[in-house]
Amino acid sequence: MIIAVAVAVITAATVIIVVAQGPSGPSAASATGPSACTLAVEAASRTGPWKMITPRTLCGMLPDNAAQIRQADKAMVNAMQGVVAASGVTGTASVGQYRSELAQGYQVPANAQGIYRSVSFTGLDGTFSPAAAVAALGTALDTGSPFRSVPPGPHGGAMACARVSAITEQCVWATGSTLGVIQIVDTSRQLVGLHVPGNAVLIRDAVETPARAPSVPTPA
């Protein structure tokens, strides 16, 4: 229940930001549609294990370090850590252990047409059981709509997404070494709805990087 309340606060904070920006906000380039979340560089390895990073930009958006966003990031980190810590103690299957956390929000302020977009991600590095972790975190988030399993993409593991509102969706994913939550807000709805699974995979590709550097062949 505590976790659900914390997540409700996070969602409410995001909606307030959308309204506050309004059509009169600074102009910003519009995303091109469903393919707006694209990668400049492909991951060097597609097999993992993975670790979390904070890209300089995400889906063409710059980092948003406003105090309200950082507070929401911290609340989500705490909620995720609570899910991991509680698993295996409350009679449910253990989802694993975490070592470190990372969170960052990105946004495009509302342009002249009133289109606003933001993407926030929160991640834990550690050792996880992907299916159990996604199930436990999806249950704890309780968006009001069921999390549905979606293809996790080339990084593997498990992923599920759920609708929060007409313009907001959340996705949860896990691999053997990462556990993450993505929240996408888009008043144009080009990045949400049917486009969420594909964009969630691209966001994962951007915020996960190989945990080990590729081996260098020994000269003959």
Protein backbone atom coordinates (compact mmCIF):
# COMPACT_ATOMS: atom_id res chain seq x y z
CA MET A 1 0.00 0.00 0.00
CA ILE A 2 2.82 2.43 0.84
CA ILE A 3 4.47 1.73 -2.50
CA ALA A 4 1.20 2.30 -4.38
CA VAL A 5 0.72 5.66 -2.63
CA ALA A 6 4.28 6.71 -3.49
CA VAL A 7 3.75 5.87 -7.15
CA ALA A 8 0.44 7.75 -7.18
CA VAL A 9 2.33 10.83 -5.97
CA ILE A 10 4.88 10.36 -8.77
CA THR A 11 2.15 10.14 -11.42
CA ALA A 12 0.31 13.17 -10.02
CA ALA A 13 3.53 15.20 -10.05
CA THR A 14 4.05 14.37 -13.72
CA VAL A 15 0.54 15.46 -14.65
CA ILE A 16 0.98 18.75 -12.80
CA ILE A 17 4.13 19.44 -14.81
CA VAL A 18 2.26 18.80 -18.08
CA VAL A 19 -0.48 21.29 -17.16
CA ALA A 20 1.97 23.88 -15.87
CA GLN A 21 3.97 23.96 -19.14
CA GLY A 22 0.85 24.73 -21.23
CA PRO A 23 0.66 25.84 -24.84
CA SER A 24 2.38 29.12 -23.98
CA GLY A 25 5.64 27.40 -23.04
CA PRO A 26 8.85 27.76 -25.06
CA SER A 27 8.82 26.31 -28.54
CA ALA A 28 10.52 22.97 -29.08
CA ALA A 29 11.09 20.63 -31.98
CA SER A 30 8.35 18.05 -32.29
CA ALA A 31 9.19 14.35 -32.35
CA THR A 32 8.61 12.73 -35.72
CA GLY A 33 6.11 10.17 -34.44
CA PRO A 34 6.38 6.53 -33.43
CA SER A 35 10.05 6.34 -34.44
CA ALA A 36 11.05 9.40 -32.37
CA CYS A 37 13.04 7.31 -29.88
CA THR A 38 16.05 6.36 -31.99
CA LEU A 39 19.60 5.49 -31.06
CA ALA A 40 22.65 7.30 -32.34
CA VAL A 41 24.94 4.37 -31.54
CA GLU A 42 24.08 0.69 -31.24
CA ALA A 43 25.22 -1.23 -28.16
CA ALA A 44 28.60 -2.92 -28.60
CA SER A 45 27.22 -6.18 -27.22
CA ARG A 46 23.74 -7.68 -27.38
CA THR A 47 24.25 -10.48 -24.89
CA GLY A 48 24.79 -8.71 -21.55
CA PRO A 49 25.18 -8.61 -18.66
CA TRP A 50 23.98 -5.01 -18.61
CA LYS A 51 24.37 -1.95 -16.38
CA MET A 52 22.46 1.33 -16.26
CA ILE A 53 23.72 4.65 -17.66
CA THR A 54 22.26 8.15 -18.15
CA PRO A 55 22.43 9.20 -21.83
CA ARG A 56 23.04 12.86 -22.68
CA THR A 57 19.70 12.90 -24.52
CA LEU A 58 16.80 10.45 -24.68
CA CYS A 59 14.25 10.35 -27.50
CA GLY A 60 15.58 13.71 -28.62
CA MET A 61 14.92 15.24 -25.18
CA LEU A 62 17.29 16.96 -22.77
CA PRO A 63 17.64 16.05 -19.07
CA ASP A 64 15.06 17.55 -16.70
CA ASN A 65 16.63 18.15 -13.30
CA ALA A 66 13.85 20.22 -11.72
CA ALA A 67 13.48 19.66 -7.99
CA GLN A 68 10.00 18.17 -8.41
CA ILE A 69 11.31 15.61 -10.93
CA ARG A 70 14.28 14.68 -8.74
CA GLN A 71 11.92 14.18 -5.81
CA ALA A 72 9.72 11.90 -7.95
CA ASP A 73 12.83 9.98 -9.07
CA LYS A 74 13.85 9.41 -5.46
CA ALA A 75 10.36 8.21 -4.55
CA MET A 76 10.42 5.69 -7.39
CA VAL A 77 13.91 4.48 -6.39
CA ASN A 78 12.68 3.96 -2.83
CA ALA A 79 9.60 2.09 -4.10
CA MET A 80 11.69 -0.20 -6.29
CA GLN A 81 14.16 -0.91 -3.51
CA GLY A 82 11.24 -1.70 -1.22
CA VAL A 83 9.87 -4.26 -3.68
CA VAL A 84 13.24 -5.98 -3.95
CA ALA A 85 13.83 -5.96 -0.20
CA ALA A 86 10.35 -7.28 0.59
CA SER A 87 10.49 -10.16 -1.87
CA GLY A 88 11.39 -13.48 -0.34
CA VAL A 89 10.39 -12.16 3.09
CA THR A 90 6.63 -11.88 2.59
CA GLY A 91 6.25 -15.39 1.22
CA THR A 92 6.64 -14.37 -2.42
CA ALA A 93 9.46 -15.44 -4.69
CA SER A 94 12.68 -13.48 -4.27
CA VAL A 95 13.29 -11.08 -7.16
CA GLY A 96 16.99 -10.67 -6.37
CA GLN A 97 19.29 -8.07 -4.85
CA TYR A 98 20.30 -4.55 -5.88
CA ARG A 99 23.69 -2.86 -5.57
CA SER A 100 23.16 0.65 -6.96
CA GLU A 101 20.48 2.89 -8.43
CA LEU A 102 20.15 5.46 -11.20
CA ALA A 103 17.31 7.78 -12.22
CA GLN A 104 16.87 10.57 -14.73
CA GLY A 105 14.05 12.46 -16.39
CA TYR A 106 14.03 14.04 -19.86
CA GLN A 107 11.51 16.42 -21.39
CA VAL A 108 10.54 18.66 -24.29
CA PRO A 109 8.61 21.65 -22.91
CA ALA A 110 5.23 22.34 -24.48
CA ASN A 111 5.59 23.88 -27.94
CA ALA A 112 3.33 26.33 -29.74
CA GLN A 113 0.87 23.52 -30.47
CA GLY A 114 0.75 22.55 -26.79
CA ILE A 115 2.57 19.25 -27.33
CA TYR A 116 4.52 18.12 -24.28
CA ARG A 117 6.70 15.01 -23.95
CA SER A 118 8.73 13.54 -21.13
CA VAL A 119 10.48 10.25 -20.46
CA SER A 120 11.72 9.23 -17.02
CA PHE A 121 13.58 6.08 -16.15
CA THR A 122 14.62 4.59 -12.83
CA GLY A 123 16.96 1.63 -12.68
CA LEU A 124 18.68 -0.70 -10.25
CA ASP A 125 21.86 -2.64 -10.94
CA GLY A 126 22.22 -5.98 -9.18
CA THR A 127 21.25 -9.61 -9.59
CA PHE A 128 17.63 -10.32 -10.51
CA SER A 129 15.22 -13.02 -11.61
CA PRO A 130 13.66 -11.21 -14.61
CA ALA A 131 10.15 -12.72 -14.68
CA ALA A 132 9.70 -12.55 -10.90
CA ALA A 133 11.06 -8.99 -10.74
CA VAL A 134 8.75 -7.69 -13.48
CA ALA A 135 5.73 -9.38 -11.90
CA ALA A 136 6.47 -8.06 -8.41
CA LEU A 137 7.20 -4.51 -9.52
CA GLY A 138 4.17 -4.39 -11.81
CA THR A 139 1.94 -5.49 -8.94
CA ALA A 140 3.43 -2.86 -6.63
CA LEU A 141 3.05 0.00 -9.10
CA ASP A 142 -0.71 -0.65 -9.53
CA THR A 143 -1.43 1.90 -12.28
CA GLY A 144 -5.10 0.95 -12.35
CA SER A 145 -4.60 -0.99 -15.58
CA PRO A 146 -2.96 -4.42 -15.77
CA PHE A 147 0.64 -4.67 -16.92
CA ARG A 148 0.77 -6.63 -20.17
CA SER A 149 3.78 -8.60 -21.27
CA VAL A 150 5.54 -7.13 -24.32
CA PRO A 151 8.61 -8.28 -26.31
CA PRO A 152 11.72 -7.27 -24.32
CA GLY A 153 13.88 -6.58 -27.35
CA PRO A 154 17.46 -7.61 -28.12
CA HIS A 155 18.69 -7.02 -24.56
CA GLY A 156 16.53 -9.92 -23.41
CA GLY A 157 14.95 -10.46 -20.01
CA ALA A 158 11.29 -9.63 -19.45
CA MET A 159 9.21 -6.47 -19.95
CA ALA A 160 5.61 -5.38 -19.34
CA CYS A 161 3.74 -2.10 -19.91
CA ALA A 162 0.56 -0.55 -18.50
CA ARG A 163 -1.54 2.51 -19.23
CA VAL A 164 -1.59 5.18 -16.52
CA SER A 165 -3.74 7.71 -18.40
CA ALA A 166 -4.60 8.65 -21.98
CA ILE A 167 -1.19 10.31 -22.34
CA THR A 168 0.94 8.35 -19.86
CA GLU A 169 2.27 4.79 -19.82
CA GLN A 170 4.72 2.88 -17.64
CA CYS A 171 6.91 -0.06 -18.57
CA VAL A 172 8.85 -2.36 -16.25
CA TRP A 173 11.74 -4.51 -17.39
CA ALA A 174 14.36 -6.76 -15.87
CA THR A 175 17.39 -8.75 -16.94
CA GLY A 176 19.73 -10.82 -14.82
CA SER A 177 21.63 -7.62 -13.92
CA THR A 178 19.17 -4.69 -14.29
CA LEU A 179 15.69 -3.74 -13.09
CA GLY A 180 14.02 -0.63 -14.48
CA VAL A 181 10.88 1.47 -14.80
CA ILE A 182 10.12 3.79 -17.71
CA GLN A 183 7.38 6.42 -17.65
CA ILE A 184 6.41 8.11 -20.92
CA VAL A 185 4.14 11.18 -21.09
CA ASP A 186 3.14 12.50 -24.52
CA THR A 187 0.19 14.80 -25.12
CA SER A 188 0.39 14.07 -28.87
CA ARG A 189 0.11 10.32 -28.05
CA GLN A 190 2.71 9.50 -30.69
CA LEU A 191 4.98 7.78 -28.17
CA VAL A 192 2.27 6.02 -26.15
CA GLY A 193 -0.51 3.55 -26.88
CA LEU A 194 0.40 1.11 -29.64
CA HIS A 195 3.85 2.72 -29.98
CA VAL A 196 4.91 2.06 -26.40
CA PRO A 197 6.43 -1.43 -26.74
CA GLY A 198 8.76 -0.41 -29.57
CA ASN A 199 9.80 2.85 -27.94
CA ALA A 200 10.33 1.14 -24.57
CA VAL A 201 12.80 -1.23 -26.24
CA LEU A 202 14.66 1.70 -27.81
CA ILE A 203 14.79 3.50 -24.46
CA ARG A 204 16.18 0.33 -22.86
CA ASP A 205 18.85 0.17 -25.56
CA ALA A 206 19.84 3.73 -24.66
CA VAL A 207 19.96 3.36 -20.87
CA GLU A 208 21.59 -0.09 -20.71
CA THR A 209 25.19 -0.72 -21.70
CA PRO A 210 27.36 -3.84 -21.47
CA ALA A 211 28.59 -4.30 -17.91
CA ARG A 212 31.87 -5.73 -19.12
CA ALA A 213 34.11 -4.25 -21.79
CA PRO A 214 34.46 -6.48 -24.85
CA SER A 215 37.53 -8.65 -24.83
CA VAL A 216 40.46 -7.62 -27.02
CA PRO A 217 42.07 -10.39 -29.08
CA THR A 218 45.64 -11.20 -28.07
CA PRO A 219 48.09 -10.44 -30.91
CA ALA A 220 49.60 -13.55 -32.46
